[in-house]
Amino acid sequence: MFRVGIDIGGTKIAGGVVDETGRIIEKVRVDTPTDTVELADAVVNMVRHLSLHHEVVATGVAAAGFIDRDRATVIHAPNIAWRNEPLKAIFESRLGMPVAIENDANAAGWAEFRYGAGRDVDHMMMLTMGTGVGGAVILDGKLYRGGHGIGGELGHVRFTRDGLPCGCGQNGCLEQYASGRALQREANSIAVAGGIGAGLAALRAEKGTISGPAISRLVLAGDEGAVEALRRVATALGEACGGFQAALDPELFVIGGGVAQLGEDLLGPVRLAYETSLPGYGDRPVAEFAIAQLGNDAGLIGAADLAVVEA
């Protein structure tokens, strides 16, 4: 029984045919159109193409934004001009099959729960460290969406009062302190300060900027400035996880996104900050931490799976 998963990103749309084990049978990618009509056409054409040689029973579409509790309407999308857009009805009328709409972070978290790092637990939280911080919450084996369908926005939990401004309109959100963008900001700050920032300063002088992959390479090489920049964002993430543990008590935190490629170099300081922030540490069970396993395919796998699992 095949299903199609579509993951709409800011620059690329990824689509794939997924089987009942979460395996991708065929995958395609196209650039993301800026016009919403062209974008819808691109998704429809992609699903039709992927259905030519496979018996597809449903489609799941993942995109950044607030999705209503019925997984039918995009209430608000940050990067696409969708406002109360009835995407489920639009796509079902054109494709002639069941379609489910899902938040991209929820879809990725569900894929990790079903087929990746979280497949052996019932209570899991996933945080992705990319441009921002995405989140997904799995409780009792079910994806938690909240009363209005838009729960699990972990990156927009206020991390510090009167903190840095966030694109969501608030100040001090976690993603301003624990994302890939935050890592670059900390690296630039350390470069300006001198001392242990000499390697980062030299990199910026040579390249004109300090990219995330470049910071990662310096971390792996043991550069003190890069390691300190990573420690700062990892500490923020770990402290937040201590609070999430107090509220929801997951068995496992799965960390994804570009920064997660650093593996234990990231998880070490995350665990330390988590432990020092956890109420009752030493006298209570604690969560495990793991790196996400499915990479950039998680969103389309999760969207495809949810189209059938929750139909």
Protein backbone atom coordinates (compact mmCIF):
# COMPACT_ATOMS: atom_id res chain seq x y z
CA MET A 1 0.00 0.00 0.00
CA PHE A 2 1.77 3.12 -1.22
CA ARG A 3 1.23 6.71 -0.23
CA VAL A 4 2.84 9.94 -1.45
CA GLY A 5 4.54 12.37 0.89
CA ILE A 6 5.18 15.99 -0.11
CA ASP A 7 7.45 18.28 1.91
CA ILE A 8 7.17 21.94 0.89
CA GLY A 9 10.29 23.89 1.81
CA GLY A 10 11.26 27.48 1.30
CA THR A 11 13.34 26.69 -1.79
CA LYS A 12 12.53 23.06 -2.73
CA ILE A 13 9.52 20.77 -2.80
CA ALA A 14 10.45 17.15 -2.13
CA GLY A 15 8.05 14.35 -2.94
CA GLY A 16 8.26 10.62 -2.64
CA VAL A 17 6.34 7.35 -2.84
CA VAL A 18 6.54 5.68 0.58
CA ASP A 19 5.62 2.10 1.49
CA GLU A 20 4.14 0.79 4.75
CA THR A 21 7.62 0.37 6.29
CA GLY A 22 8.58 4.00 5.74
CA ARG A 23 10.86 3.19 2.81
CA ILE A 24 11.00 5.68 -0.07
CA ILE A 25 10.40 3.90 -3.38
CA GLU A 26 10.77 6.89 -5.68
CA LYS A 27 11.65 10.52 -4.97
CA VAL A 28 11.62 13.78 -6.93
CA ARG A 29 12.42 17.43 -6.19
CA VAL A 30 11.47 20.72 -7.81
CA ASP A 31 12.06 24.36 -6.97
CA THR A 32 9.37 25.99 -4.83
CA PRO A 33 7.39 28.55 -6.85
CA THR A 34 6.74 31.87 -5.14
CA ASP A 35 3.23 32.18 -6.61
CA THR A 36 0.67 30.15 -4.61
CA VAL A 37 -1.25 29.00 -7.70
CA GLU A 38 1.95 27.76 -9.32
CA LEU A 39 2.92 26.09 -6.07
CA ALA A 40 -0.36 24.17 -5.93
CA ASP A 41 0.11 23.16 -9.56
CA ALA A 42 3.62 21.92 -8.78
CA VAL A 43 2.35 19.74 -5.92
CA VAL A 44 -0.48 18.29 -8.03
CA ASN A 45 1.87 17.55 -10.92
CA MET A 46 4.36 15.92 -8.56
CA VAL A 47 1.71 13.63 -7.04
CA ARG A 48 0.41 12.68 -10.48
CA HIS A 49 3.91 11.88 -11.66
CA LEU A 50 4.66 9.75 -8.62
CA SER A 51 1.33 7.91 -9.02
CA LEU A 52 2.00 6.84 -12.62
CA HIS A 53 3.81 3.61 -11.73
CA HIS A 54 2.59 3.02 -8.17
CA GLU A 55 -0.83 2.30 -6.69
CA VAL A 56 -1.10 5.32 -4.39
CA VAL A 57 -3.98 5.41 -1.88
CA ALA A 58 -3.40 8.78 -0.15
CA THR A 59 -1.17 11.84 -0.06
CA GLY A 60 0.26 13.78 2.87
CA VAL A 61 1.51 17.33 2.43
CA ALA A 62 3.86 18.90 4.98
CA ALA A 63 4.54 22.63 5.15
CA ALA A 64 5.71 25.15 7.71
CA GLY A 65 2.88 26.96 9.44
CA PHE A 66 -0.18 26.58 11.64
CA ILE A 67 -2.46 23.76 10.49
CA ASP A 68 -5.97 23.38 11.92
CA ARG A 69 -6.95 20.39 14.05
CA ASP A 70 -8.68 18.69 11.10
CA ARG A 71 -5.43 18.73 9.08
CA ALA A 72 -7.31 20.49 6.31
CA THR A 73 -6.56 24.22 6.42
CA VAL A 74 -3.35 26.21 6.64
CA ILE A 75 -4.25 28.92 9.12
CA HIS A 76 -1.00 30.81 8.64
CA ALA A 77 2.24 30.03 6.79
CA PRO A 78 5.33 32.14 7.50
CA ASN A 79 6.96 31.85 4.08
CA ILE A 80 4.00 31.32 1.74
CA ALA A 81 0.97 33.60 1.27
CA TRP A 82 -1.47 31.08 2.76
CA ARG A 83 -4.03 32.48 5.21
CA ASN A 84 -6.90 30.13 6.10
CA GLU A 85 -6.14 28.24 2.89
CA PRO A 86 -8.31 25.08 2.50
CA LEU A 87 -5.51 23.00 1.00
CA LYS A 88 -7.06 19.63 1.76
CA ALA A 89 -10.18 20.41 -0.26
CA ILE A 90 -8.16 22.00 -3.06
CA PHE A 91 -5.83 19.03 -3.47
CA GLU A 92 -8.49 16.35 -2.99
CA SER A 93 -10.68 17.88 -5.69
CA ARG A 94 -7.76 17.87 -8.14
CA LEU A 95 -6.17 14.54 -7.22
CA GLY A 96 -9.21 12.40 -6.48
CA MET A 97 -7.68 10.78 -3.39
CA PRO A 98 -7.56 11.46 0.37
CA VAL A 99 -5.10 14.23 1.28
CA ALA A 100 -3.86 15.24 4.74
CA ILE A 101 -2.09 18.52 5.51
CA GLU A 102 0.52 18.57 8.30
CA ASN A 103 2.99 20.94 9.88
CA ASP A 104 6.47 20.07 8.60
CA ALA A 105 8.07 19.70 12.05
CA ASN A 106 5.22 17.44 13.18
CA ALA A 107 5.66 15.32 10.07
CA ALA A 108 9.40 14.97 10.63
CA GLY A 109 8.91 14.12 14.31
CA TRP A 110 6.31 11.50 13.45
CA ALA A 111 8.68 9.88 10.95
CA GLU A 112 11.42 9.67 13.57
CA PHE A 113 8.94 8.18 16.04
CA ARG A 114 7.70 5.57 13.60
CA TYR A 115 10.84 4.66 11.68
CA GLY A 116 13.83 6.49 13.15
CA ALA A 117 15.43 7.29 16.49
CA GLY A 118 12.16 7.12 18.45
CA ARG A 119 10.72 3.87 17.18
CA ASP A 120 11.20 2.08 20.56
CA VAL A 121 9.43 4.62 22.80
CA ASP A 122 5.88 5.90 23.34
CA HIS A 123 6.70 9.40 24.61
CA MET A 124 9.08 11.51 22.53
CA MET A 125 9.90 15.11 21.73
CA MET A 126 11.82 16.20 18.66
CA LEU A 127 13.57 19.52 18.21
CA THR A 128 15.19 20.53 14.94
CA MET A 129 18.02 23.05 14.99
CA GLY A 130 17.87 24.78 11.63
CA THR A 131 17.22 28.39 10.72
CA GLY A 132 14.80 28.27 13.65
CA VAL A 133 13.85 25.55 16.10
CA GLY A 134 11.09 23.20 15.02
CA GLY A 135 9.28 20.92 17.42
CA ALA A 136 7.09 17.84 17.58
CA VAL A 137 5.55 16.10 20.59
CA ILE A 138 4.52 12.42 20.72
CA LEU A 139 2.53 11.37 23.80
CA ASP A 140 1.22 7.84 24.36
CA GLY A 141 2.16 7.00 20.79
CA LYS A 142 0.09 9.83 19.30
CA LEU A 143 1.11 13.10 17.73
CA TYR A 144 0.09 15.92 20.04
CA ARG A 145 -1.49 18.88 18.25
CA GLY A 146 -3.42 20.66 21.01
CA GLY A 147 -6.93 22.06 21.12
CA HIS A 148 -6.59 24.13 17.95
CA GLY A 149 -4.19 21.88 16.02
CA ILE A 150 -1.13 24.09 16.40
CA GLY A 151 0.55 22.72 19.55
CA GLY A 152 4.18 21.68 19.68
CA GLU A 153 5.69 25.00 18.57
CA LEU A 154 8.66 24.40 20.86
CA GLY A 155 10.91 26.95 19.17
CA HIS A 156 8.48 29.70 20.14
CA VAL A 157 8.37 28.96 23.84
CA ARG A 158 9.69 32.13 25.49
CA PHE A 159 13.18 31.29 26.68
CA THR A 160 14.10 34.61 28.25
CA ARG A 161 12.10 37.68 29.19
CA ASP A 162 12.65 40.75 27.01
CA GLY A 163 15.09 38.81 24.86
CA LEU A 164 16.02 38.96 21.21
CA PRO A 165 13.19 39.76 18.76
CA CYS A 166 11.75 36.78 16.91
CA GLY A 167 10.09 36.55 13.52
CA CYS A 168 6.90 35.35 15.21
CA GLY A 169 6.40 38.82 16.70
CA GLN A 170 7.53 38.00 20.23
CA ASN A 171 10.85 38.46 22.02
CA GLY A 172 13.07 35.89 23.67
CA CYS A 173 11.85 32.74 21.87
CA LEU A 174 13.97 29.61 22.22
CA GLU A 175 14.86 29.58 18.52
CA GLN A 176 16.75 32.84 18.94
CA TYR A 177 19.16 31.04 21.28
CA ALA A 178 19.28 27.40 20.18
CA SER A 179 19.13 27.39 16.36
CA GLY A 180 21.66 27.24 13.57
CA ARG A 181 21.21 30.98 13.15
CA ALA A 182 21.94 31.46 16.86
CA LEU A 183 25.12 29.42 16.45
CA GLN A 184 26.28 31.79 13.72
CA ARG A 185 25.47 34.82 15.86
CA GLU A 186 27.43 33.44 18.80
CA ALA A 187 30.35 32.57 16.54
CA ASN A 188 30.47 36.12 15.20
CA SER A 189 30.34 37.53 18.72
CA ILE A 190 33.26 35.34 19.80
CA ALA A 191 35.21 36.28 16.66
CA VAL A 192 34.84 39.98 17.47
CA ALA A 193 35.96 39.47 21.08
CA GLY A 194 39.34 38.01 20.05
CA GLY A 195 41.19 35.48 22.20
CA ILE A 196 39.67 32.06 21.59
CA GLY A 197 37.82 33.60 18.64
CA ALA A 198 40.97 33.92 16.51
CA GLY A 199 40.09 30.94 14.32
CA LEU A 200 36.56 32.22 13.75
CA ALA A 201 37.88 35.73 13.01
CA ALA A 202 40.34 34.33 10.47
CA LEU A 203 37.55 32.37 8.81
CA ARG A 204 35.35 35.46 8.56
CA ALA A 205 38.23 37.53 7.16
CA GLU A 206 38.83 34.89 4.49
CA LYS A 207 35.22 34.06 3.53
CA GLY A 208 33.43 37.26 4.48
CA THR A 209 31.01 35.33 6.67
CA ILE A 210 30.91 32.46 9.14
CA SER A 211 28.64 29.70 7.84
CA GLY A 212 27.12 26.91 9.86
CA PRO A 213 29.05 24.13 8.07
CA ALA A 214 32.30 26.06 8.59
CA ILE A 215 31.60 26.32 12.32
CA SER A 216 30.92 22.59 12.42
CA ARG A 217 34.25 21.87 10.76
CA LEU A 218 36.03 24.03 13.32
CA VAL A 219 34.20 22.28 16.16
CA LEU A 220 35.34 18.89 14.86
CA ALA A 221 38.88 20.25 14.61
CA GLY A 222 38.73 21.33 18.26
CA ASP A 223 38.78 25.10 17.69
CA GLU A 224 38.11 26.70 21.09
CA GLY A 225 35.99 29.55 19.77
CA ALA A 226 33.74 27.29 17.70
CA VAL A 227 33.39 24.85 20.59
CA GLU A 228 32.35 27.72 22.87
CA ALA A 229 29.77 28.95 20.34
CA LEU A 230 28.32 25.44 20.18
CA ARG A 231 28.32 25.17 23.98
CA ARG A 232 26.22 28.32 24.26
CA VAL A 233 23.46 27.16 21.90
CA ALA A 234 23.58 23.59 23.26
CA THR A 235 23.19 24.96 26.78
CA ALA A 236 20.10 26.92 25.76
CA LEU A 237 18.59 23.82 24.17
CA GLY A 238 19.39 21.65 27.19
CA GLU A 239 17.91 24.15 29.62
CA ALA A 240 14.72 24.26 27.59
CA CYS A 241 14.57 20.46 27.55
CA GLY A 242 14.69 20.48 31.35
CA GLY A 243 11.52 22.55 31.30
CA PHE A 244 9.89 20.34 28.68
CA GLN A 245 10.72 17.33 30.85
CA ALA A 246 8.99 18.89 33.84
CA ALA A 247 5.87 19.55 31.78
CA LEU A 248 5.55 16.46 29.57
CA ASP A 249 8.05 13.86 30.86
CA PRO A 250 9.19 12.34 27.52
CA GLU A 251 11.32 9.21 27.45
CA LEU A 252 13.43 10.57 24.61
CA PHE A 253 14.50 13.83 23.02
CA VAL A 254 15.44 13.53 19.36
CA ILE A 255 17.57 16.36 17.99
CA GLY A 256 17.56 17.05 14.25
CA GLY A 257 18.57 19.77 11.81
CA GLY A 258 21.93 20.82 10.44
CA VAL A 259 23.56 21.41 13.82
CA ALA A 260 22.65 17.86 14.89
CA GLN A 261 25.26 16.50 12.47
CA LEU A 262 27.79 17.28 15.21
CA GLY A 263 26.47 14.31 17.17
CA GLU A 264 28.00 13.89 20.61
CA ASP A 265 29.83 17.22 20.35
CA LEU A 266 26.35 18.74 20.54
CA LEU A 267 24.62 16.23 22.82
CA GLY A 268 27.29 16.38 25.55
CA PRO A 269 26.64 20.00 26.56
CA VAL A 270 22.91 19.56 25.90
CA ARG A 271 22.74 16.74 28.45
CA LEU A 272 24.76 18.71 31.00
CA ALA A 273 22.45 21.74 30.75
CA TYR A 274 19.39 19.48 30.83
CA GLU A 275 20.54 17.77 34.01
CA THR A 276 21.31 21.03 35.80
CA SER A 277 17.90 22.43 34.79
CA LEU A 278 15.77 19.41 35.66
CA PRO A 279 13.62 19.62 38.82
CA GLY A 280 14.49 16.79 41.18
CA TYR A 281 17.53 15.66 39.21
CA GLY A 282 19.16 12.66 40.86
CA ASP A 283 15.89 11.40 42.33
CA ARG A 284 13.80 10.93 39.20
CA PRO A 285 13.97 9.14 35.85
CA VAL A 286 15.57 11.16 33.06
CA ALA A 287 15.14 11.18 29.30
CA GLU A 288 17.59 9.88 26.75
CA PHE A 289 18.93 12.05 23.92
CA ALA A 290 19.50 10.89 20.35
CA ILE A 291 20.33 12.36 16.97
CA ALA A 292 17.62 12.12 14.29
CA GLN A 293 18.20 9.32 11.79
CA LEU A 294 16.11 10.15 8.73
CA GLY A 295 17.69 13.46 7.71
CA ASN A 296 15.98 15.57 5.05
CA ASP A 297 13.60 12.75 4.13
CA ALA A 298 11.80 12.81 7.49
CA GLY A 299 9.20 15.38 6.47
CA LEU A 300 7.93 13.56 3.40
CA ILE A 301 8.05 10.16 5.13
CA GLY A 302 6.06 11.46 8.08
CA ALA A 303 3.51 13.26 5.91
CA ALA A 304 2.98 10.13 3.83
CA ASP A 305 2.57 7.94 6.90
CA LEU A 306 0.14 10.30 8.64
CA ALA A 307 -2.02 10.39 5.52
CA VAL A 308 -2.83 6.73 6.16
CA VAL A 309 -2.29 6.17 9.90
CA GLU A 310 -4.70 8.92 10.93
CA ALA A 311 -7.11 8.65 7.99
